[in-house]
Protein backbone atom coordinates (compact mmCIF):
# COMPACT_ATOMS: atom_id res chain seq x y z
CA MET A 1 0.00 0.00 0.00
CA GLY A 2 1.48 3.31 -1.05
CA PHE A 3 1.83 6.22 1.31
CA ASN A 4 -0.68 9.01 0.99
CA ARG A 5 -2.90 11.09 3.24
CA MET A 6 -5.92 8.79 2.91
CA ASN A 7 -3.94 5.75 4.10
CA LEU A 8 -2.55 7.75 7.01
CA LEU A 9 -6.05 8.83 8.04
CA ARG A 10 -7.29 5.25 7.86
CA ARG A 11 -4.44 4.17 10.14
CA MET A 12 -5.32 7.00 12.54
CA ILE A 13 -8.93 5.77 12.67
CA GLU A 14 -7.72 2.22 13.44
CA VAL A 15 -5.55 3.50 16.29
CA GLN A 16 -8.37 5.67 17.67
CA THR A 17 -10.77 2.73 17.57
CA LEU A 18 -8.31 0.49 19.44
CA VAL A 19 -7.74 3.19 22.07
CA LEU A 20 -11.48 3.60 22.69
CA GLN A 21 -11.89 -0.16 22.98
CA TYR A 22 -9.13 -0.54 25.58
CA GLN A 23 -10.13 2.60 27.50
CA LYS A 24 -13.55 1.02 28.08
CA GLU A 25 -11.70 -1.84 29.78
CA GLY A 26 -10.01 0.68 32.11
CA ARG A 27 -6.56 0.86 30.54
CA ASN A 28 -4.65 4.15 30.41
CA GLN A 29 -3.18 5.65 27.24
CA ARG A 30 0.46 4.91 28.04
CA TRP A 31 -0.34 1.22 28.63
CA ILE A 32 -2.32 1.07 25.39
CA HIS A 33 0.57 2.60 23.45
CA ALA A 34 3.23 0.36 25.01
CA ASN A 35 1.33 -2.93 24.78
CA ILE A 36 -1.08 -2.62 21.86
CA ILE A 37 -0.21 0.23 19.48
CA TYR A 38 3.59 0.22 19.42
CA PRO A 39 4.05 -3.49 18.65
CA LYS A 40 1.57 -3.33 15.77
CA TYR A 41 2.15 0.13 14.22
CA LEU A 42 5.68 1.02 15.45
CA ILE A 43 4.83 4.67 16.13
CA SER A 44 6.37 6.87 18.80
CA ILE A 45 4.44 8.24 21.74
CA ALA A 46 4.43 11.71 20.13
CA THR A 47 2.94 10.35 16.91
CA TYR A 48 0.44 8.34 18.95
CA TYR A 49 -0.79 11.49 20.71
CA ARG A 50 -0.92 13.33 17.36
CA PHE A 51 -3.08 10.50 15.98
CA LEU A 52 -5.42 10.82 18.96
CA GLY A 53 -5.65 14.60 18.55
CA THR A 54 -6.64 14.49 14.88
CA ASN A 55 -10.25 14.35 13.68
CA ALA A 56 -9.39 11.69 11.11
CA LYS A 57 -12.95 10.68 10.19
CA LYS A 58 -13.83 14.24 9.22
CA GLU A 59 -10.66 14.73 7.18
CA LEU A 60 -11.12 11.40 5.42
CA LYS A 61 -14.70 12.29 4.44
CA GLU A 62 -13.49 15.64 3.07
CA LEU A 63 -10.71 13.99 1.04
CA GLU A 64 -13.08 11.37 -0.37
CA ALA A 65 -15.55 14.10 -1.35
CA LEU A 66 -12.79 16.05 -3.10
CA LYS A 67 -11.65 12.92 -4.89
CA LYS A 68 -15.19 12.16 -6.10
CA GLU A 69 -15.63 15.77 -7.22
CA ALA A 70 -12.36 15.68 -9.12
CA ILE A 71 -13.37 12.46 -10.86
CA CYS A 72 -16.79 13.86 -11.79
CA ASN A 73 -15.36 17.14 -13.11
CA ARG A 74 -12.57 15.53 -15.10
CA PRO A 75 -12.83 16.34 -18.81
CA ASP A 76 -13.72 13.52 -21.16
CA PRO A 77 -10.52 12.47 -22.99
CA ASN A 78 -12.52 11.37 -26.03
CA ARG A 79 -14.27 14.71 -26.46
CA ARG A 80 -12.72 16.99 -29.04
CA THR A 81 -12.28 20.60 -28.07
CA GLU A 82 -11.71 23.81 -29.99
CA THR A 83 -8.03 23.88 -29.02
CA GLN A 84 -7.49 20.42 -30.48
CA TYR A 85 -9.40 21.08 -33.69
CA PRO A 86 -9.64 24.82 -34.27
CA ARG A 87 -12.11 26.26 -36.74
CA LYS A 88 -10.76 27.55 -40.03
């Protein structure tokens, strides 16, 4: 999987979901990072806190909407335009 913003946001959502799950069991954030998050994702404590402080679901929805809009507004490559075939 290539690196881009959408993949990063999906990873953030996974981490946030795991944190919520283990917090319901009464675990603190440092324990969750040391025993659950770090072995799986290999991220530092600073990155972990940055992941928790980001509204990843909102940003992912915005990026997906922009991507859909860009696809819908893309010009048809088969359509001939005036610049390709100017009038005489």
